[in-house]
């Protein structure tokens, strides 16, 4: 187990989302560090589950964060203007809920936060 309090984020690789999400997580959960698991359009990957290699890679990396760093919270992030998942907000929010359900089946003892990063790059909790 590492020193310091960790949380995890399953976030888009889009660099515009990294700082606001990490700051929100650190502030909300009083975390010292954020383990960031990135993919282009991760909510699509987790919602559709049509790329088992990508899903397993995300699951494995989240497992490391939980088991080795002691993360107790994980955020799954969708965002405005996503190049990896260029769909409207409503569709992405539906995928976000499905992505949360997918992570919930992995048997990890974590709370799952669903986050939307809007066109103003502000983080909003969904649900």
C-alpha atoms as a PDB file:
ATOM      1  CA  UNK A   1       0.000   0.000   0.000  1.00  0.00           C
ATOM      2  CA  UNK A   2       1.358   3.427  -0.922  1.00  0.00           C
ATOM      3  CA  UNK A   3       1.542   6.466   1.306  1.00  0.00           C
ATOM      4  CA  UNK A   4      -1.093   9.095   0.730  1.00  0.00           C
ATOM      5  CA  UNK A   5      -4.745   8.887  -0.158  1.00  0.00           C
ATOM      6  CA  UNK A   6      -5.538   7.747  -3.698  1.00  0.00           C
ATOM      7  CA  UNK A   7      -8.631   7.896  -5.877  1.00  0.00           C
ATOM      8  CA  UNK A   8      -8.972   6.719  -9.479  1.00  0.00           C
ATOM      9  CA  UNK A   9     -10.366   8.272 -12.643  1.00  0.00           C
ATOM     10  CA  UNK A  10     -11.383   6.457 -15.811  1.00  0.00           C
ATOM     11  CA  UNK A  11     -11.077   9.455 -18.058  1.00  0.00           C
ATOM     12  CA  UNK A  12     -10.747  10.339 -21.709  1.00  0.00           C
ATOM     13  CA  UNK A  13      -7.231  10.797 -23.027  1.00  0.00           C
ATOM     14  CA  UNK A  14      -8.253  14.368 -23.949  1.00  0.00           C
ATOM     15  CA  UNK A  15      -5.879  16.567 -21.968  1.00  0.00           C
ATOM     16  CA  UNK A  16      -8.525  19.236 -21.462  1.00  0.00           C
ATOM     17  CA  UNK A  17     -10.359  16.995 -19.008  1.00  0.00           C
ATOM     18  CA  UNK A  18      -7.418  15.900 -16.887  1.00  0.00           C
ATOM     19  CA  UNK A  19      -6.810  18.956 -14.714  1.00  0.00           C
ATOM     20  CA  UNK A  20     -10.434  19.819 -13.875  1.00  0.00           C
ATOM     21  CA  UNK A  21     -11.282  16.189 -13.077  1.00  0.00           C
ATOM     22  CA  UNK A  22      -8.165  15.625 -10.975  1.00  0.00           C
ATOM     23  CA  UNK A  23      -8.723  18.857  -9.051  1.00  0.00           C
ATOM     24  CA  UNK A  24     -12.386  17.976  -8.456  1.00  0.00           C
ATOM     25  CA  UNK A  25     -11.485  14.501  -7.203  1.00  0.00           C
ATOM     26  CA  UNK A  26      -8.701  15.733  -4.936  1.00  0.00           C
ATOM     27  CA  UNK A  27     -10.975  18.381  -3.443  1.00  0.00           C
ATOM     28  CA  UNK A  28     -14.100  16.212  -3.138  1.00  0.00           C
ATOM     29  CA  UNK A  29     -12.389  13.174  -1.608  1.00  0.00           C
ATOM     30  CA  UNK A  30      -9.453  14.937   0.084  1.00  0.00           C
ATOM     31  CA  UNK A  31      -7.120  12.808  -2.010  1.00  0.00           C
ATOM     32  CA  UNK A  32      -3.407  13.315  -2.401  1.00  0.00           C
ATOM     33  CA  UNK A  33      -3.140  11.507  -5.732  1.00  0.00           C
ATOM     34  CA  UNK A  34      -5.338  10.532  -8.687  1.00  0.00           C
ATOM     35  CA  UNK A  35      -4.576   7.340 -10.589  1.00  0.00           C
ATOM     36  CA  UNK A  36      -5.671   8.257 -14.109  1.00  0.00           C
ATOM     37  CA  UNK A  37      -6.738   5.514 -16.500  1.00  0.00           C
ATOM     38  CA  UNK A  38      -7.178   7.010 -19.952  1.00  0.00           C
ATOM     39  CA  UNK A  39      -8.706   5.839 -23.203  1.00  0.00           C
ATOM     40  CA  UNK A  40     -10.316   7.741 -26.078  1.00  0.00           C
ATOM     41  CA  UNK A  41     -14.018   7.702 -25.191  1.00  0.00           C
ATOM     42  CA  UNK A  42     -13.896   5.314 -22.212  1.00  0.00           C
ATOM     43  CA  UNK A  43     -17.651   5.541 -21.550  1.00  0.00           C
ATOM     44  CA  UNK A  44     -18.311   4.118 -25.019  1.00  0.00           C
ATOM     45  CA  UNK A  45     -15.832   1.288 -24.395  1.00  0.00           C
ATOM     46  CA  UNK A  46     -17.358   0.388 -21.036  1.00  0.00           C
ATOM     47  CA  UNK A  47     -20.977   0.839 -22.120  1.00  0.00           C
ATOM     48  CA  UNK A  48     -20.801  -1.114 -25.386  1.00  0.00           C
ATOM     49  CA  UNK A  49     -18.261  -3.716 -24.224  1.00  0.00           C
ATOM     50  CA  UNK A  50     -17.529  -4.605 -27.848  1.00  0.00           C
ATOM     51  CA  UNK A  51     -13.745  -4.375 -27.349  1.00  0.00           C
ATOM     52  CA  UNK A  52     -12.963  -6.958 -24.650  1.00  0.00           C
ATOM     53  CA  UNK A  53      -9.235  -6.178 -24.744  1.00  0.00           C
ATOM     54  CA  UNK A  54      -9.851  -2.496 -23.951  1.00  0.00           C
ATOM     55  CA  UNK A  55     -12.411  -3.324 -21.244  1.00  0.00           C
ATOM     56  CA  UNK A  56      -9.999  -5.771 -19.613  1.00  0.00           C
ATOM     57  CA  UNK A  57      -7.164  -3.228 -19.764  1.00  0.00           C
ATOM     58  CA  UNK A  58      -9.304  -0.682 -17.923  1.00  0.00           C
ATOM     59  CA  UNK A  59     -10.418  -3.308 -15.381  1.00  0.00           C
ATOM     60  CA  UNK A  60      -6.831  -4.425 -14.758  1.00  0.00           C
ATOM     61  CA  UNK A  61      -5.535  -0.878 -14.272  1.00  0.00           C
ATOM     62  CA  UNK A  62      -8.401   0.002 -11.935  1.00  0.00           C
ATOM     63  CA  UNK A  63      -7.667  -3.172  -9.966  1.00  0.00           C
ATOM     64  CA  UNK A  64      -4.087  -2.031  -9.455  1.00  0.00           C
ATOM     65  CA  UNK A  65      -5.285   1.341  -8.203  1.00  0.00           C
ATOM     66  CA  UNK A  66      -7.678  -0.308  -5.746  1.00  0.00           C
ATOM     67  CA  UNK A  67      -5.481  -3.197  -4.590  1.00  0.00           C
ATOM     68  CA  UNK A  68      -2.068  -1.503  -4.567  1.00  0.00           C
ATOM     69  CA  UNK A  69      -2.911   2.137  -3.866  1.00  0.00           C
ATOM     70  CA  UNK A  70      -6.044   1.628  -1.811  1.00  0.00           C
ATOM     71  CA  UNK A  71      -8.338   3.752  -3.977  1.00  0.00           C
ATOM     72  CA  UNK A  72     -11.849   3.725  -2.536  1.00  0.00           C
ATOM     73  CA  UNK A  73     -13.452   6.032  -5.101  1.00  0.00           C
ATOM     74  CA  UNK A  74     -13.423   5.859  -8.889  1.00  0.00           C
ATOM     75  CA  UNK A  75     -14.777   8.462 -11.266  1.00  0.00           C
ATOM     76  CA  UNK A  76     -15.908   7.620 -14.772  1.00  0.00           C
ATOM     77  CA  UNK A  77     -15.787  10.661 -17.021  1.00  0.00           C
ATOM     78  CA  UNK A  78     -17.599  11.722 -20.183  1.00  0.00           C
ATOM     79  CA  UNK A  79     -17.114  15.140 -21.740  1.00  0.00           C
ATOM     80  CA  UNK A  80     -18.142  17.756 -24.257  1.00  0.00           C
ATOM     81  CA  UNK A  81     -16.363  17.691 -27.640  1.00  0.00           C
ATOM     82  CA  UNK A  82     -14.990  14.155 -27.257  1.00  0.00           C
ATOM     83  CA  UNK A  83     -13.028  13.128 -30.348  1.00  0.00           C
ATOM     84  CA  UNK A  84     -13.011   9.468 -29.298  1.00  0.00           C
ATOM     85  CA  UNK A  85     -16.777   9.392 -28.733  1.00  0.00           C
ATOM     86  CA  UNK A  86     -18.240  12.262 -30.794  1.00  0.00           C
ATOM     87  CA  UNK A  87     -21.837  11.907 -29.663  1.00  0.00           C
ATOM     88  CA  UNK A  88     -24.303  14.356 -28.139  1.00  0.00           C
ATOM     89  CA  UNK A  89     -24.437  14.895 -24.394  1.00  0.00           C
ATOM     90  CA  UNK A  90     -27.612  12.881 -23.823  1.00  0.00           C
ATOM     91  CA  UNK A  91     -26.193   9.816 -25.571  1.00  0.00           C
ATOM     92  CA  UNK A  92     -22.924  10.087 -23.675  1.00  0.00           C
ATOM     93  CA  UNK A  93     -24.789  10.421 -20.361  1.00  0.00           C
ATOM     94  CA  UNK A  94     -26.648   7.198 -21.162  1.00  0.00           C
ATOM     95  CA  UNK A  95     -23.331   5.519 -21.904  1.00  0.00           C
ATOM     96  CA  UNK A  96     -21.935   6.917 -18.655  1.00  0.00           C
ATOM     97  CA  UNK A  97     -24.667   5.206 -16.638  1.00  0.00           C
ATOM     98  CA  UNK A  98     -24.022   1.910 -18.472  1.00  0.00           C
ATOM     99  CA  UNK A  99     -20.272   2.319 -17.914  1.00  0.00           C
ATOM    100  CA  UNK A 100     -20.907   2.751 -14.197  1.00  0.00           C
ATOM    101  CA  UNK A 101     -22.978  -0.434 -14.177  1.00  0.00           C
ATOM    102  CA  UNK A 102     -20.146  -2.291 -15.927  1.00  0.00           C
ATOM    103  CA  UNK A 103     -17.580  -1.181 -13.346  1.00  0.00           C
ATOM    104  CA  UNK A 104     -20.060  -2.108 -10.624  1.00  0.00           C
ATOM    105  CA  UNK A 105     -19.961  -5.751 -11.774  1.00  0.00           C
ATOM    106  CA  UNK A 106     -16.200  -6.018 -11.235  1.00  0.00           C
ATOM    107  CA  UNK A 107     -16.485  -6.749  -7.520  1.00  0.00           C
ATOM    108  CA  UNK A 108     -14.209  -3.933  -6.414  1.00  0.00           C
ATOM    109  CA  UNK A 109     -15.040  -2.303  -3.106  1.00  0.00           C
ATOM    110  CA  UNK A 110     -15.231   1.270  -4.446  1.00  0.00           C
ATOM    111  CA  UNK A 111     -17.788   4.007  -4.792  1.00  0.00           C
ATOM    112  CA  UNK A 112     -18.371   4.945  -8.425  1.00  0.00           C
ATOM    113  CA  UNK A 113     -18.845   8.606  -9.352  1.00  0.00           C
ATOM    114  CA  UNK A 114     -20.245   9.522 -12.760  1.00  0.00           C
ATOM    115  CA  UNK A 115     -18.890  12.849 -14.006  1.00  0.00           C
ATOM    116  CA  UNK A 116     -19.648  15.106 -16.968  1.00  0.00           C
ATOM    117  CA  UNK A 117     -17.183  17.794 -18.080  1.00  0.00           C
ATOM    118  CA  UNK A 118     -19.081  20.470 -19.968  1.00  0.00           C
ATOM    119  CA  UNK A 119     -18.052  22.938 -22.631  1.00  0.00           C
ATOM    120  CA  UNK A 120     -16.897  25.304 -19.855  1.00  0.00           C
ATOM    121  CA  UNK A 121     -14.579  22.490 -18.613  1.00  0.00           C
ATOM    122  CA  UNK A 122     -16.372  22.422 -15.258  1.00  0.00           C
ATOM    123  CA  UNK A 123     -16.997  19.062 -13.630  1.00  0.00           C
ATOM    124  CA  UNK A 124     -20.564  18.054 -12.810  1.00  0.00           C
ATOM    125  CA  UNK A 125     -21.663  14.982 -10.868  1.00  0.00           C
ATOM    126  CA  UNK A 126     -24.266  12.960 -12.781  1.00  0.00           C
ATOM    127  CA  UNK A 127     -27.102  11.171 -11.018  1.00  0.00           C
END
